[in-house]
Amino acid sequence: MRSRYAAFVKGDRKYLQRTWHSTTRPRKLTLDDTEWTRLEILDKNQGGLFDKVGVVEFNAHHTGGVLHERSRFVREDGRWVYLDAAG
């Protein structure tokens, strides 16, 4: 989660694409000029060494406000990848 946030901060599209699940990854990723200022992890569920899924709830602060999300991650080919925003 933190590495993907850092990739958004830096505008690293390649890293974001590599860490996105193959079934939900967009073909083309367009990033805007949002200035991200801080990541606040609020909660996590699973995502441990022996888990196959995990959820991270967070606030991503930016100059225009806050993005709140519960992100689902899964293991794909042995590594954690972003699946989608949990409901």
PDB file of N, CA and C in Angstrom:
ATOM      1  N   MET A   1       0.820  -1.182   0.000  1.00  0.00           N
ATOM      2  CA  MET A   1       0.000   0.000   0.000  1.00  0.00           C
ATOM      3  C   MET A   1       0.868   1.252   0.000  1.00  0.00           C
ATOM      4  N   ARG A   2       1.823   1.280   0.887  1.00  0.00           N
ATOM      5  CA  ARG A   2       2.677   2.468   0.972  1.00  0.00           C
ATOM      6  C   ARG A   2       3.495   2.668  -0.309  1.00  0.00           C
ATOM      7  N   SER A   3       3.945   1.586  -0.899  1.00  0.00           N
ATOM      8  CA  SER A   3       4.737   1.729  -2.124  1.00  0.00           C
ATOM      9  C   SER A   3       3.876   2.239  -3.277  1.00  0.00           C
ATOM     10  N   ARG A   4       2.619   1.842  -3.326  1.00  0.00           N
ATOM     11  CA  ARG A   4       1.727   2.351  -4.383  1.00  0.00           C
ATOM     12  C   ARG A   4       1.427   3.827  -4.146  1.00  0.00           C
ATOM     13  N   TYR A   5       1.249   4.219  -2.898  1.00  0.00           N
ATOM     14  CA  TYR A   5       1.046   5.635  -2.599  1.00  0.00           C
ATOM     15  C   TYR A   5       2.268   6.436  -3.080  1.00  0.00           C
ATOM     16  N   ALA A   6       3.451   5.947  -2.763  1.00  0.00           N
ATOM     17  CA  ALA A   6       4.668   6.635  -3.198  1.00  0.00           C
ATOM     18  C   ALA A   6       4.740   6.724  -4.719  1.00  0.00           C
ATOM     19  N   ALA A   7       4.282   5.685  -5.403  1.00  0.00           N
ATOM     20  CA  ALA A   7       4.270   5.707  -6.867  1.00  0.00           C
ATOM     21  C   ALA A   7       3.299   6.769  -7.394  1.00  0.00           C
ATOM     22  N   PHE A   8       2.155   6.929  -6.720  1.00  0.00           N
ATOM     23  CA  PHE A   8       1.234   8.004  -7.115  1.00  0.00           C
ATOM     24  C   PHE A   8       1.882   9.367  -6.891  1.00  0.00           C
ATOM     25  N   VAL A   9       2.563   9.521  -5.778  1.00  0.00           N
ATOM     26  CA  VAL A   9       3.241  10.788  -5.473  1.00  0.00           C
ATOM     27  C   VAL A   9       4.258  11.117  -6.564  1.00  0.00           C
ATOM     28  N   LYS A  10       5.020  10.114  -6.977  1.00  0.00           N
ATOM     29  CA  LYS A  10       6.079  10.312  -7.973  1.00  0.00           C
ATOM     30  C   LYS A  10       5.581  10.272  -9.416  1.00  0.00           C
ATOM     31  N   GLY A  11       4.340   9.792  -9.613  1.00  0.00           N
ATOM     32  CA  GLY A  11       3.822   9.647 -10.974  1.00  0.00           C
ATOM     33  C   GLY A  11       4.413   8.458 -11.708  1.00  0.00           C
ATOM     34  N   ASP A  12       4.739   7.396 -10.972  1.00  0.00           N
ATOM     35  CA  ASP A  12       5.380   6.211 -11.535  1.00  0.00           C
ATOM     36  C   ASP A  12       4.322   5.241 -12.091  1.00  0.00           C
ATOM     37  N   ARG A  13       3.877   5.481 -13.312  1.00  0.00           N
ATOM     38  CA  ARG A  13       2.833   4.662 -13.946  1.00  0.00           C
ATOM     39  C   ARG A  13       3.256   3.192 -14.092  1.00  0.00           C
ATOM     40  N   LYS A  14       4.503   2.961 -14.444  1.00  0.00           N
ATOM     41  CA  LYS A  14       4.969   1.588 -14.662  1.00  0.00           C
ATOM     42  C   LYS A  14       4.851   0.754 -13.387  1.00  0.00           C
ATOM     43  N   TYR A  15       5.259   1.330 -12.267  1.00  0.00           N
ATOM     44  CA  TYR A  15       5.151   0.601 -10.999  1.00  0.00           C
ATOM     45  C   TYR A  15       3.690   0.332 -10.658  1.00  0.00           C
ATOM     46  N   LEU A  16       2.838   1.334 -10.847  1.00  0.00           N
ATOM     47  CA  LEU A  16       1.416   1.157 -10.548  1.00  0.00           C
ATOM     48  C   LEU A  16       0.816   0.050 -11.417  1.00  0.00           C
ATOM     49  N   GLN A  17       1.160   0.004 -12.677  1.00  0.00           N
ATOM     50  CA  GLN A  17       0.662  -1.049 -13.569  1.00  0.00           C
ATOM     51  C   GLN A  17       1.165  -2.427 -13.122  1.00  0.00           C
ATOM     52  N   ARG A  18       2.442  -2.512 -12.738  1.00  0.00           N
ATOM     53  CA  ARG A  18       3.016  -3.800 -12.301  1.00  0.00           C
ATOM     54  C   ARG A  18       2.375  -4.310 -11.020  1.00  0.00           C
ATOM     55  N   THR A  19       1.903  -3.403 -10.174  1.00  0.00           N
ATOM     56  CA  THR A  19       1.351  -3.812  -8.875  1.00  0.00           C
ATOM     57  C   THR A  19      -0.175  -3.808  -8.870  1.00  0.00           C
ATOM     58  N   TRP A  20      -0.777  -3.863 -10.049  1.00  0.00           N
ATOM     59  CA  TRP A  20      -2.236  -3.895 -10.203  1.00  0.00           C
ATOM     60  C   TRP A  20      -2.610  -5.283 -10.694  1.00  0.00           C
ATOM     61  N   HIS A  21      -3.633  -5.879 -10.132  1.00  0.00           N
ATOM     62  CA  HIS A  21      -4.061  -7.224 -10.515  1.00  0.00           C
ATOM     63  C   HIS A  21      -4.390  -7.275 -12.003  1.00  0.00           C
ATOM     64  N   SER A  22      -4.014  -8.353 -12.647  1.00  0.00           N
ATOM     65  CA  SER A  22      -4.173  -8.477 -14.099  1.00  0.00           C
ATOM     66  C   SER A  22      -5.625  -8.374 -14.554  1.00  0.00           C
ATOM     67  N   THR A  23      -6.582  -8.722 -13.713  1.00  0.00           N
ATOM     68  CA  THR A  23      -7.995  -8.680 -14.125  1.00  0.00           C
ATOM     69  C   THR A  23      -8.644  -7.312 -13.951  1.00  0.00           C
ATOM     70  N   THR A  24      -8.029  -6.424 -13.186  1.00  0.00           N
ATOM     71  CA  THR A  24      -8.625  -5.099 -12.950  1.00  0.00           C
ATOM     72  C   THR A  24      -7.719  -3.955 -13.402  1.00  0.00           C
ATOM     73  N   ARG A  25      -6.544  -4.261 -13.868  1.00  0.00           N
ATOM     74  CA  ARG A  25      -5.569  -3.251 -14.295  1.00  0.00           C
ATOM     75  C   ARG A  25      -6.080  -2.523 -15.544  1.00  0.00           C
ATOM     76  N   PRO A  26      -6.083  -1.205 -15.518  1.00  0.00           N
ATOM     77  CA  PRO A  26      -6.497  -0.473 -16.717  1.00  0.00           C
ATOM     78  C   PRO A  26      -5.446  -0.613 -17.820  1.00  0.00           C
ATOM     79  N   ARG A  27      -5.905  -0.602 -19.059  1.00  0.00           N
ATOM     80  CA  ARG A  27      -4.963  -0.692 -20.190  1.00  0.00           C
ATOM     81  C   ARG A  27      -4.039   0.512 -20.219  1.00  0.00           C
ATOM     82  N   LYS A  28      -4.633   1.679 -19.988  1.00  0.00           N
ATOM     83  CA  LYS A  28      -3.853   2.916 -19.987  1.00  0.00           C
ATOM     84  C   LYS A  28      -4.141   3.635 -18.681  1.00  0.00           C
ATOM     85  N   LEU A  29      -3.121   4.042 -18.007  1.00  0.00           N
ATOM     86  CA  LEU A  29      -3.264   4.731 -16.725  1.00  0.00           C
ATOM     87  C   LEU A  29      -2.888   6.194 -16.900  1.00  0.00           C
ATOM     88  N   THR A  30      -3.852   7.054 -16.648  1.00  0.00           N
ATOM     89  CA  THR A  30      -3.619   8.485 -16.738  1.00  0.00           C
ATOM     90  C   THR A  30      -3.616   9.061 -15.333  1.00  0.00           C
ATOM     91  N   LEU A  31      -2.545   9.736 -14.984  1.00  0.00           N
ATOM     92  CA  LEU A  31      -2.444  10.365 -13.673  1.00  0.00           C
ATOM     93  C   LEU A  31      -2.647  11.864 -13.827  1.00  0.00           C
ATOM     94  N   ASP A  32      -3.358  12.443 -12.882  1.00  0.00           N
ATOM     95  CA  ASP A  32      -3.541  13.889 -12.928  1.00  0.00           C
ATOM     96  C   ASP A  32      -2.422  14.573 -12.144  1.00  0.00           C
ATOM     97  N   ASP A  33      -2.549  15.857 -11.938  1.00  0.00           N
ATOM     98  CA  ASP A  33      -1.486  16.597 -11.254  1.00  0.00           C
ATOM     99  C   ASP A  33      -1.776  16.800  -9.766  1.00  0.00           C
ATOM    100  N   THR A  34      -2.517  15.852  -9.175  1.00  0.00           N
ATOM    101  CA  THR A  34      -2.823  15.922  -7.746  1.00  0.00           C
ATOM    102  C   THR A  34      -1.526  15.948  -6.939  1.00  0.00           C
ATOM    103  N   GLU A  35      -1.462  16.848  -5.976  1.00  0.00           N
ATOM    104  CA  GLU A  35      -0.294  16.916  -5.095  1.00  0.00           C
ATOM    105  C   GLU A  35      -0.620  16.180  -3.794  1.00  0.00           C
ATOM    106  N   TRP A  36      -0.143  14.947  -3.700  1.00  0.00           N
ATOM    107  CA  TRP A  36      -0.380  14.113  -2.524  1.00  0.00           C
ATOM    108  C   TRP A  36       0.535  14.566  -1.398  1.00  0.00           C
ATOM    109  N   THR A  37      -0.026  14.656  -0.183  1.00  0.00           N
ATOM    110  CA  THR A  37       0.747  15.208   0.925  1.00  0.00           C
ATOM    111  C   THR A  37       0.982  14.237   2.074  1.00  0.00           C
ATOM    112  N   ARG A  38       0.101  13.253   2.234  1.00  0.00           N
ATOM    113  CA  ARG A  38       0.271  12.351   3.388  1.00  0.00           C
ATOM    114  C   ARG A  38      -0.614  11.127   3.230  1.00  0.00           C
ATOM    115  N   LEU A  39      -0.114   9.982   3.675  1.00  0.00           N
ATOM    116  CA  LEU A  39      -0.882   8.742   3.712  1.00  0.00           C
ATOM    117  C   LEU A  39      -1.128   8.372   5.166  1.00  0.00           C
ATOM    118  N   GLU A  40      -2.370   8.090   5.484  1.00  0.00           N
ATOM    119  CA  GLU A  40      -2.764   7.703   6.845  1.00  0.00           C
ATOM    120  C   GLU A  40      -3.459   6.341   6.774  1.00  0.00           C
ATOM    121  N   ILE A  41      -2.813   5.312   7.312  1.00  0.00           N
ATOM    122  CA  ILE A  41      -3.409   3.972   7.350  1.00  0.00           C
ATOM    123  C   ILE A  41      -4.357   3.921   8.541  1.00  0.00           C
ATOM    124  N   LEU A  42      -5.624   3.605   8.290  1.00  0.00           N
ATOM    125  CA  LEU A  42      -6.633   3.583   9.343  1.00  0.00           C
ATOM    126  C   LEU A  42      -6.873   2.188   9.897  1.00  0.00           C
ATOM    127  N   ASP A  43      -6.809   1.175   9.024  1.00  0.00           N
ATOM    128  CA  ASP A  43      -7.106  -0.186   9.459  1.00  0.00           C
ATOM    129  C   ASP A  43      -6.564  -1.151   8.413  1.00  0.00           C
ATOM    130  N   LYS A  44      -6.322  -2.370   8.834  1.00  0.00           N
ATOM    131  CA  LYS A  44      -5.962  -3.423   7.898  1.00  0.00           C
ATOM    132  C   LYS A  44      -6.562  -4.729   8.382  1.00  0.00           C
ATOM    133  N   ASN A  45      -6.856  -5.591   7.437  1.00  0.00           N
ATOM    134  CA  ASN A  45      -7.446  -6.879   7.749  1.00  0.00           C
ATOM    135  C   ASN A  45      -6.742  -7.919   6.885  1.00  0.00           C
ATOM    136  N   GLN A  46      -6.189  -8.905   7.506  1.00  0.00           N
ATOM    137  CA  GLN A  46      -5.408  -9.951   6.856  1.00  0.00           C
ATOM    138  C   GLN A  46      -4.178  -9.338   6.186  1.00  0.00           C
ATOM    139  N   GLY A  47      -3.690  -9.951   5.128  1.00  0.00           N
ATOM    140  CA  GLY A  47      -2.516  -9.436   4.449  1.00  0.00           C
ATOM    141  C   GLY A  47      -1.206  -9.872   5.069  1.00  0.00           C
ATOM    142  N   GLY A  48      -1.269 -10.886   5.917  1.00  0.00           N
ATOM    143  CA  GLY A  48      -0.058 -11.374   6.564  1.00  0.00           C
ATOM    144  C   GLY A  48       0.726 -12.332   5.681  1.00  0.00           C
ATOM    145  N   LEU A  49       1.767 -12.856   6.228  1.00  0.00           N
ATOM    146  CA  LEU A  49       2.700 -13.723   5.515  1.00  0.00           C
ATOM    147  C   LEU A  49       2.008 -14.917   4.846  1.00  0.00           C
ATOM    148  N   PHE A  50       1.022 -15.512   5.501  1.00  0.00           N
ATOM    149  CA  PHE A  50       0.383 -16.714   4.967  1.00  0.00           C
ATOM    150  C   PHE A  50      -0.998 -16.446   4.373  1.00  0.00           C
ATOM    151  N   ASP A  51      -1.424 -15.191   4.318  1.00  0.00           N
ATOM    152  CA  ASP A  51      -2.721 -14.841   3.749  1.00  0.00           C
ATOM    153  C   ASP A  51      -2.635 -14.713   2.236  1.00  0.00           C
ATOM    154  N   LYS A  52      -3.791 -14.881   1.604  1.00  0.00           N
ATOM    155  CA  LYS A  52      -3.873 -14.711   0.152  1.00  0.00           C
ATOM    156  C   LYS A  52      -4.584 -13.416  -0.217  1.00  0.00           C
ATOM    157  N   VAL A  53      -5.266 -12.822   0.760  1.00  0.00           N
ATOM    158  CA  VAL A  53      -5.985 -11.570   0.542  1.00  0.00           C
ATOM    159  C   VAL A  53      -5.706 -10.627   1.703  1.00  0.00           C
ATOM    160  N   GLY A  54      -5.964  -9.359   1.477  1.00  0.00           N
ATOM    161  CA  GLY A  54      -5.812  -8.363   2.528  1.00  0.00           C
ATOM    162  C   GLY A  54      -6.566  -7.098   2.148  1.00  0.00           C
ATOM    163  N   VAL A  55      -6.987  -6.359   3.159  1.00  0.00           N
ATOM    164  CA  VAL A  55      -7.697  -5.097   2.943  1.00  0.00           C
ATOM    165  C   VAL A  55      -7.002  -4.017   3.769  1.00  0.00           C
ATOM    166  N   VAL A  56      -6.793  -2.865   3.153  1.00  0.00           N
ATOM    167  CA  VAL A  56      -6.195  -1.722   3.837  1.00  0.00           C
ATOM    168  C   VAL A  56      -7.143  -0.538   3.690  1.00  0.00           C
ATOM    169  N   GLU A  57      -7.529   0.037   4.823  1.00  0.00           N
ATOM    170  CA  GLU A  57      -8.345   1.245   4.803  1.00  0.00           C
ATOM    171  C   GLU A  57      -7.419   2.425   5.073  1.00  0.00           C
ATOM    172  N   PHE A  58      -7.563   3.471   4.273  1.00  0.00           N
ATOM    173  CA  PHE A  58      -6.631   4.590   4.392  1.00  0.00           C
ATOM    174  C   PHE A  58      -7.277   5.906   3.987  1.00  0.00           C
ATOM    175  N   ASN A  59      -6.624   6.974   4.396  1.00  0.00           N
ATOM    176  CA  ASN A  59      -6.889   8.321   3.904  1.00  0.00           C
ATOM    177  C   ASN A  59      -5.627   8.781   3.199  1.00  0.00           C
ATOM    178  N   ALA A  60      -5.765   9.186   1.945  1.00  0.00           N
ATOM    179  CA  ALA A  60      -4.655   9.759   1.199  1.00  0.00           C
ATOM    180  C   ALA A  60      -4.936  11.253   1.080  1.00  0.00           C
ATOM    181  N   HIS A  61      -4.169  12.030   1.798  1.00  0.00           N
ATOM    182  CA  HIS A  61      -4.379  13.477   1.842  1.00  0.00           C
ATOM    183  C   HIS A  61      -3.715  14.131   0.637  1.00  0.00           C
ATOM    184  N   HIS A  62      -4.387  15.146   0.105  1.00  0.00           N
ATOM    185  CA  HIS A  62      -3.824  15.929  -0.991  1.00  0.00           C
ATOM    186  C   HIS A  62      -4.238  17.371  -0.797  1.00  0.00           C
ATOM    187  N   THR A  63      -3.681  18.256  -1.611  1.00  0.00           N
ATOM    188  CA  THR A  63      -3.918  19.685  -1.411  1.00  0.00           C
ATOM    189  C   THR A  63      -5.391  20.059  -1.556  1.00  0.00           C
ATOM    190  N   GLY A  64      -6.176  19.242  -2.241  1.00  0.00           N
ATOM    191  CA  GLY A  64      -7.598  19.538  -2.420  1.00  0.00           C
ATOM    192  C   GLY A  64      -8.519  18.822  -1.454  1.00  0.00           C
ATOM    193  N   GLY A  65      -7.982  17.999  -0.559  1.00  0.00           N
ATOM    194  CA  GLY A  65      -8.832  17.271   0.375  1.00  0.00           C
ATOM    195  C   GLY A  65      -8.259  15.926   0.754  1.00  0.00           C
ATOM    196  N   VAL A  66      -9.157  14.935   0.854  1.00  0.00           N
ATOM    197  CA  VAL A  66      -8.758  13.604   1.303  1.00  0.00           C
ATOM    198  C   VAL A  66      -9.472  12.550   0.463  1.00  0.00           C
ATOM    199  N   LEU A  67      -8.727  11.545   0.029  1.00  0.00           N
ATOM    200  CA  LEU A  67      -9.305  10.370  -0.623  1.00  0.00           C
ATOM    201  C   LEU A  67      -9.374   9.271   0.425  1.00  0.00           C
ATOM    202  N   HIS A  68     -10.577   8.773   0.690  1.00  0.00           N
ATOM    203  CA  HIS A  68     -10.759   7.674   1.642  1.00  0.00           C
ATOM    204  C   HIS A  68     -11.073   6.419   0.840  1.00  0.00           C
ATOM    205  N   GLU A  69     -10.396   5.309   1.168  1.00  0.00           N
ATOM    206  CA  GLU A  69     -10.645   4.064   0.432  1.00  0.00           C
ATOM    207  C   GLU A  69     -10.318   2.860   1.294  1.00  0.00           C
ATOM    208  N   ARG A  70     -11.001   1.770   1.002  1.00  0.00           N
ATOM    209  CA  ARG A  70     -10.667   0.447   1.523  1.00  0.00           C
ATOM    210  C   ARG A  70     -10.209  -0.354   0.317  1.00  0.00           C
ATOM    211  N   SER A  71      -8.923  -0.584   0.211  1.00  0.00           N
ATOM    212  CA  SER A  71      -8.347  -1.274  -0.945  1.00  0.00           C
ATOM    213  C   SER A  71      -8.188  -2.754  -0.662  1.00  0.00           C
ATOM    214  N   ARG A  72      -8.556  -3.568  -1.667  1.00  0.00           N
ATOM    215  CA  ARG A  72      -8.354  -5.007  -1.561  1.00  0.00           C
ATOM    216  C   ARG A  72      -7.100  -5.389  -2.334  1.00  0.00           C
ATOM    217  N   PHE A  73      -6.273  -6.207  -1.697  1.00  0.00           N
ATOM    218  CA  PHE A  73      -5.054  -6.718  -2.304  1.00  0.00           C
ATOM    219  C   PHE A  73      -5.114  -8.241  -2.295  1.00  0.00           C
ATOM    220  N   VAL A  74      -4.508  -8.858  -3.294  1.00  0.00           N
ATOM    221  CA  VAL A  74      -4.419 -10.316  -3.369  1.00  0.00           C
ATOM    222  C   VAL A  74      -3.005 -10.681  -3.810  1.00  0.00           C
ATOM    223  N   ARG A  75      -2.649 -11.930  -3.561  1.00  0.00           N
ATOM    224  CA  ARG A  75      -1.356 -12.416  -4.045  1.00  0.00           C
ATOM    225  C   ARG A  75      -1.545 -12.913  -5.485  1.00  0.00           C
ATOM    226  N   GLU A  76      -0.680 -12.449  -6.349  1.00  0.00           N
ATOM    227  CA  GLU A  76      -0.670 -12.892  -7.735  1.00  0.00           C
ATOM    228  C   GLU A  76       0.772 -13.239  -8.065  1.00  0.00           C
ATOM    229  N   ASP A  77       0.998 -14.483  -8.449  1.00  0.00           N
ATOM    230  CA  ASP A  77       2.362 -14.955  -8.727  1.00  0.00           C
ATOM    231  C   ASP A  77       3.290 -14.698  -7.536  1.00  0.00           C
ATOM    232  N   GLY A  78       2.766 -14.868  -6.328  1.00  0.00           N
ATOM    233  CA  GLY A  78       3.571 -14.770  -5.120  1.00  0.00           C
ATOM    234  C   GLY A  78       3.809 -13.366  -4.582  1.00  0.00           C
ATOM    235  N   ARG A  79       3.237 -12.352  -5.225  1.00  0.00           N
ATOM    236  CA  ARG A  79       3.438 -10.984  -4.720  1.00  0.00           C
ATOM    237  C   ARG A  79       2.101 -10.278  -4.551  1.00  0.00           C
ATOM    238  N   TRP A  80       2.088  -9.299  -3.662  1.00  0.00           N
ATOM    239  CA  TRP A  80       0.865  -8.551  -3.399  1.00  0.00           C
ATOM    240  C   TRP A  80       0.593  -7.568  -4.526  1.00  0.00           C
ATOM    241  N   VAL A  81      -0.664  -7.568  -4.988  1.00  0.00           N
ATOM    242  CA  VAL A  81      -1.090  -6.624  -6.012  1.00  0.00           C
ATOM    243  C   VAL A  81      -2.445  -6.041  -5.622  1.00  0.00           C
ATOM    244  N   TYR A  82      -2.697  -4.813  -6.071  1.00  0.00           N
ATOM    245  CA  TYR A  82      -3.963  -4.118  -5.819  1.00  0.00           C
ATOM    246  C   TYR A  82      -5.039  -4.750  -6.680  1.00  0.00           C
ATOM    247  N   LEU A  83      -6.178  -5.125  -6.070  1.00  0.00           N
ATOM    248  CA  LEU A  83      -7.302  -5.677  -6.804  1.00  0.00           C
ATOM    249  C   LEU A  83      -8.324  -4.598  -7.120  1.00  0.00           C
ATOM    250  N   ASP A  84      -8.866  -3.978  -6.052  1.00  0.00           N
ATOM    251  CA  ASP A  84      -9.885  -2.950  -6.270  1.00  0.00           C
ATOM    252  C   ASP A  84     -10.219  -2.268  -4.946  1.00  0.00           C
ATOM    253  N   ALA A  85     -11.125  -1.311  -5.040  1.00  0.00           N
ATOM    254  CA  ALA A  85     -11.629  -0.626  -3.839  1.00  0.00           C
ATOM    255  C   ALA A  85     -12.763  -1.474  -3.277  1.00  0.00           C
ATOM    256  N   ALA A  86     -12.626  -1.911  -2.029  1.00  0.00           N
ATOM    257  CA  ALA A  86     -13.650  -2.730  -1.379  1.00  0.00           C
ATOM    258  C   ALA A  86     -14.878  -1.886  -1.084  1.00  0.00           C
ATOM    259  N   GLY A  87     -16.011  -2.518  -1.086  1.00  0.00           N
ATOM    260  CA  GLY A  87     -17.276  -1.817  -0.863  1.00  0.00           C
ATOM    261  C   GLY A  87     -17.525  -1.326   0.501  1.00  0.00           C
TER     262      GLY A  87
END
